[in-house]
Amino acid sequence: MSNLAVDPTGPDATASWCCRPLGKEELSAADAERIAVMFKALSDPVRLRLFSKIAAQPAGEACVCDIQDVGVSQPTVSHHLRKLREAGLLESERRASWVYYRVAPGVLAAMAGLLSPTG
């Protein structure tokens, strides 16, 4: 049974999750690969800060103009946001000249479930 299905092939990749904590059963090679994509995307400090800024927004989404102050240039912020989208962690929507980001549905609960000792 698959714990996680992430299609990292495009900018509109989405996460679809099951409910098995990592310690409940051995991961298949495919599941390990999919989960590693997610953790690899979050392993960069800038990406982790951007993801955190978006996840902490009361409205559930953030304009790139409001989250780009992470100590790197705007093109680098765009690169990191693209990597987070490709990993299935974020969704984005262009409105006029700005792009708004939100955490993909189910991602936070799925990460908590993966890391939960009880499930």
C-alpha atoms as a PDB file:
ATOM      1  CA  MET A   1       0.000   0.000   0.000  1.00  0.00           C
ATOM      2  CA  SER A   2       1.365   3.409  -0.925  1.00  0.00           C
ATOM      3  CA  ASN A   3       1.983   5.949   1.839  1.00  0.00           C
ATOM      4  CA  LEU A   4       2.471   8.868  -0.497  1.00  0.00           C
ATOM      5  CA  ALA A   5       1.968   9.682  -4.122  1.00  0.00           C
ATOM      6  CA  VAL A   6       3.729  12.791  -5.349  1.00  0.00           C
ATOM      7  CA  ASP A   7       4.185  13.461  -9.012  1.00  0.00           C
ATOM      8  CA  PRO A   8       7.239  15.733  -9.079  1.00  0.00           C
ATOM      9  CA  THR A   9       7.196  16.015 -12.852  1.00  0.00           C
ATOM     10  CA  GLY A  10       5.538  19.386 -13.180  1.00  0.00           C
ATOM     11  CA  PRO A  11       4.912  22.682 -11.458  1.00  0.00           C
ATOM     12  CA  ASP A  12       1.339  21.685 -10.656  1.00  0.00           C
ATOM     13  CA  ALA A  13       2.282  18.455  -8.895  1.00  0.00           C
ATOM     14  CA  THR A  14      -0.043  17.572  -6.045  1.00  0.00           C
ATOM     15  CA  ALA A  15       0.353  15.403  -2.991  1.00  0.00           C
ATOM     16  CA  SER A  16      -2.000  12.548  -2.296  1.00  0.00           C
ATOM     17  CA  TRP A  17      -1.468  10.738   0.966  1.00  0.00           C
ATOM     18  CA  CYS A  18      -2.472   7.679   2.858  1.00  0.00           C
ATOM     19  CA  CYS A  19      -2.256   7.422   6.609  1.00  0.00           C
ATOM     20  CA  ARG A  20       0.616   5.086   7.488  1.00  0.00           C
ATOM     21  CA  PRO A  21       3.273   6.465   9.851  1.00  0.00           C
ATOM     22  CA  LEU A  22       6.825   5.696   8.780  1.00  0.00           C
ATOM     23  CA  GLY A  23       7.363   3.337  11.713  1.00  0.00           C
ATOM     24  CA  LYS A  24       4.277   1.191  11.049  1.00  0.00           C
ATOM     25  CA  GLU A  25       5.563  -0.714   8.042  1.00  0.00           C
ATOM     26  CA  GLU A  26       8.604  -0.915   5.842  1.00  0.00           C
ATOM     27  CA  LEU A  27       8.581   1.537   2.961  1.00  0.00           C
ATOM     28  CA  SER A  28       8.590   0.295  -0.580  1.00  0.00           C
ATOM     29  CA  ALA A  29      11.279   1.651  -2.877  1.00  0.00           C
ATOM     30  CA  ALA A  30       8.678   3.787  -4.679  1.00  0.00           C
ATOM     31  CA  ASP A  31       7.300   5.251  -1.440  1.00  0.00           C
ATOM     32  CA  ALA A  32      10.801   5.984  -0.152  1.00  0.00           C
ATOM     33  CA  GLU A  33      11.582   7.812  -3.392  1.00  0.00           C
ATOM     34  CA  ARG A  34       8.396   9.871  -3.203  1.00  0.00           C
ATOM     35  CA  ILE A  35       8.850  10.806   0.453  1.00  0.00           C
ATOM     36  CA  ALA A  36      12.502  11.661  -0.156  1.00  0.00           C
ATOM     37  CA  VAL A  37      11.435  14.191  -2.811  1.00  0.00           C
ATOM     38  CA  MET A  38       9.358  15.985  -0.197  1.00  0.00           C
ATOM     39  CA  PHE A  39      12.066  15.945   2.474  1.00  0.00           C
ATOM     40  CA  LYS A  40      14.760  16.918  -0.049  1.00  0.00           C
ATOM     41  CA  ALA A  41      12.717  19.966  -1.030  1.00  0.00           C
ATOM     42  CA  LEU A  42      12.408  20.952   2.632  1.00  0.00           C
ATOM     43  CA  SER A  43      16.065  20.264   3.463  1.00  0.00           C
ATOM     44  CA  ASP A  44      17.203  23.665   2.213  1.00  0.00           C
ATOM     45  CA  PRO A  45      16.948  26.362   4.928  1.00  0.00           C
ATOM     46  CA  VAL A  46      15.564  28.974   2.512  1.00  0.00           C
ATOM     47  CA  ARG A  47      12.906  26.570   1.237  1.00  0.00           C
ATOM     48  CA  LEU A  48      11.984  25.581   4.764  1.00  0.00           C
ATOM     49  CA  ARG A  49      11.598  29.249   5.741  1.00  0.00           C
ATOM     50  CA  LEU A  50       9.466  29.977   2.680  1.00  0.00           C
ATOM     51  CA  PHE A  51       7.283  26.934   3.344  1.00  0.00           C
ATOM     52  CA  SER A  52       6.930  27.985   6.986  1.00  0.00           C
ATOM     53  CA  LYS A  53       6.006  31.556   6.057  1.00  0.00           C
ATOM     54  CA  ILE A  54       3.284  30.314   3.722  1.00  0.00           C
ATOM     55  CA  ALA A  55       1.952  27.694   6.151  1.00  0.00           C
ATOM     56  CA  ALA A  56       1.763  30.297   8.952  1.00  0.00           C
ATOM     57  CA  GLN A  57      -0.383  32.760   6.996  1.00  0.00           C
ATOM     58  CA  PRO A  58      -3.788  33.287   8.657  1.00  0.00           C
ATOM     59  CA  ALA A  59      -5.487  33.484   5.256  1.00  0.00           C
ATOM     60  CA  GLY A  60      -3.891  30.203   4.174  1.00  0.00           C
ATOM     61  CA  GLU A  61      -2.014  31.809   1.313  1.00  0.00           C
ATOM     62  CA  ALA A  62       0.685  34.386   0.742  1.00  0.00           C
ATOM     63  CA  CYS A  63       1.688  36.703  -2.044  1.00  0.00           C
ATOM     64  CA  VAL A  64       5.274  36.248  -3.117  1.00  0.00           C
ATOM     65  CA  CYS A  65       5.691  39.968  -2.412  1.00  0.00           C
ATOM     66  CA  ASP A  66       5.011  39.292   1.297  1.00  0.00           C
ATOM     67  CA  ILE A  67       7.351  36.325   1.787  1.00  0.00           C
ATOM     68  CA  GLN A  68      10.419  37.123  -0.298  1.00  0.00           C
ATOM     69  CA  ASP A  69      12.445  38.624   2.588  1.00  0.00           C
ATOM     70  CA  VAL A  70      14.497  35.500   3.350  1.00  0.00           C
ATOM     71  CA  GLY A  71      17.969  36.885   2.652  1.00  0.00           C
ATOM     72  CA  VAL A  72      18.314  35.880  -0.997  1.00  0.00           C
ATOM     73  CA  SER A  73      17.538  37.593  -4.300  1.00  0.00           C
ATOM     74  CA  GLN A  74      14.046  37.537  -5.830  1.00  0.00           C
ATOM     75  CA  PRO A  75      15.106  35.149  -8.651  1.00  0.00           C
ATOM     76  CA  THR A  76      16.484  32.766  -6.023  1.00  0.00           C
ATOM     77  CA  VAL A  77      13.203  32.959  -4.085  1.00  0.00           C
ATOM     78  CA  SER A  78      11.347  32.076  -7.300  1.00  0.00           C
ATOM     79  CA  HIS A  79      13.680  29.116  -7.856  1.00  0.00           C
ATOM     80  CA  HIS A  80      13.051  27.782  -4.355  1.00  0.00           C
ATOM     81  CA  LEU A  81       9.284  28.247  -4.620  1.00  0.00           C
ATOM     82  CA  ARG A  82       9.344  26.335  -7.917  1.00  0.00           C
ATOM     83  CA  LYS A  83      11.191  23.457  -6.219  1.00  0.00           C
ATOM     84  CA  LEU A  84       8.563  23.368  -3.459  1.00  0.00           C
ATOM     85  CA  ARG A  85       5.779  23.306  -6.079  1.00  0.00           C
ATOM     86  CA  GLU A  86       7.502  20.543  -8.042  1.00  0.00           C
ATOM     87  CA  ALA A  87       7.740  18.456  -4.859  1.00  0.00           C
ATOM     88  CA  GLY A  88       3.969  18.779  -4.432  1.00  0.00           C
ATOM     89  CA  LEU A  89       4.238  20.853  -1.259  1.00  0.00           C
ATOM     90  CA  LEU A  90       2.842  24.135  -2.585  1.00  0.00           C
ATOM     91  CA  GLU A  91       0.212  25.286  -5.035  1.00  0.00           C
ATOM     92  CA  SER A  92       0.304  28.646  -6.770  1.00  0.00           C
ATOM     93  CA  GLU A  93      -2.046  30.987  -8.563  1.00  0.00           C
ATOM     94  CA  ARG A  94      -1.192  34.083 -10.590  1.00  0.00           C
ATOM     95  CA  ARG A  95      -3.355  37.137  -9.925  1.00  0.00           C
ATOM     96  CA  ALA A  96      -2.485  40.111 -12.081  1.00  0.00           C
ATOM     97  CA  SER A  97       1.265  40.595 -11.683  1.00  0.00           C
ATOM     98  CA  TRP A  98       1.664  38.644  -8.410  1.00  0.00           C
ATOM     99  CA  VAL A  99       1.762  34.939  -7.621  1.00  0.00           C
ATOM    100  CA  TYR A 100       0.022  33.642  -4.508  1.00  0.00           C
ATOM    101  CA  TYR A 101       1.147  30.439  -2.793  1.00  0.00           C
ATOM    102  CA  ARG A 102      -0.611  28.041  -0.437  1.00  0.00           C
ATOM    103  CA  VAL A 103       0.345  24.722   1.100  1.00  0.00           C
ATOM    104  CA  ALA A 104      -1.061  21.896  -1.012  1.00  0.00           C
ATOM    105  CA  PRO A 105      -4.148  20.292   0.553  1.00  0.00           C
ATOM    106  CA  GLY A 106      -3.324  17.589   3.067  1.00  0.00           C
ATOM    107  CA  VAL A 107       0.419  18.184   3.138  1.00  0.00           C
ATOM    108  CA  LEU A 108       0.751  19.344   6.754  1.00  0.00           C
ATOM    109  CA  ALA A 109      -1.505  16.581   8.080  1.00  0.00           C
ATOM    110  CA  ALA A 110       0.323  14.020   5.959  1.00  0.00           C
ATOM    111  CA  MET A 111       3.731  15.095   7.241  1.00  0.00           C
ATOM    112  CA  ALA A 112       2.427  14.889  10.803  1.00  0.00           C
ATOM    113  CA  GLY A 113       0.989  11.449  10.077  1.00  0.00           C
ATOM    114  CA  LEU A 114       4.222  10.203   8.520  1.00  0.00           C
ATOM    115  CA  LEU A 115       6.197  11.261  11.563  1.00  0.00           C
ATOM    116  CA  SER A 116       3.643  10.210  14.178  1.00  0.00           C
ATOM    117  CA  PRO A 117       4.644   7.217  16.287  1.00  0.00           C
ATOM    118  CA  THR A 118       1.016   6.128  16.705  1.00  0.00           C
ATOM    119  CA  GLY A 119      -0.680   7.066  13.443  1.00  0.00           C
END
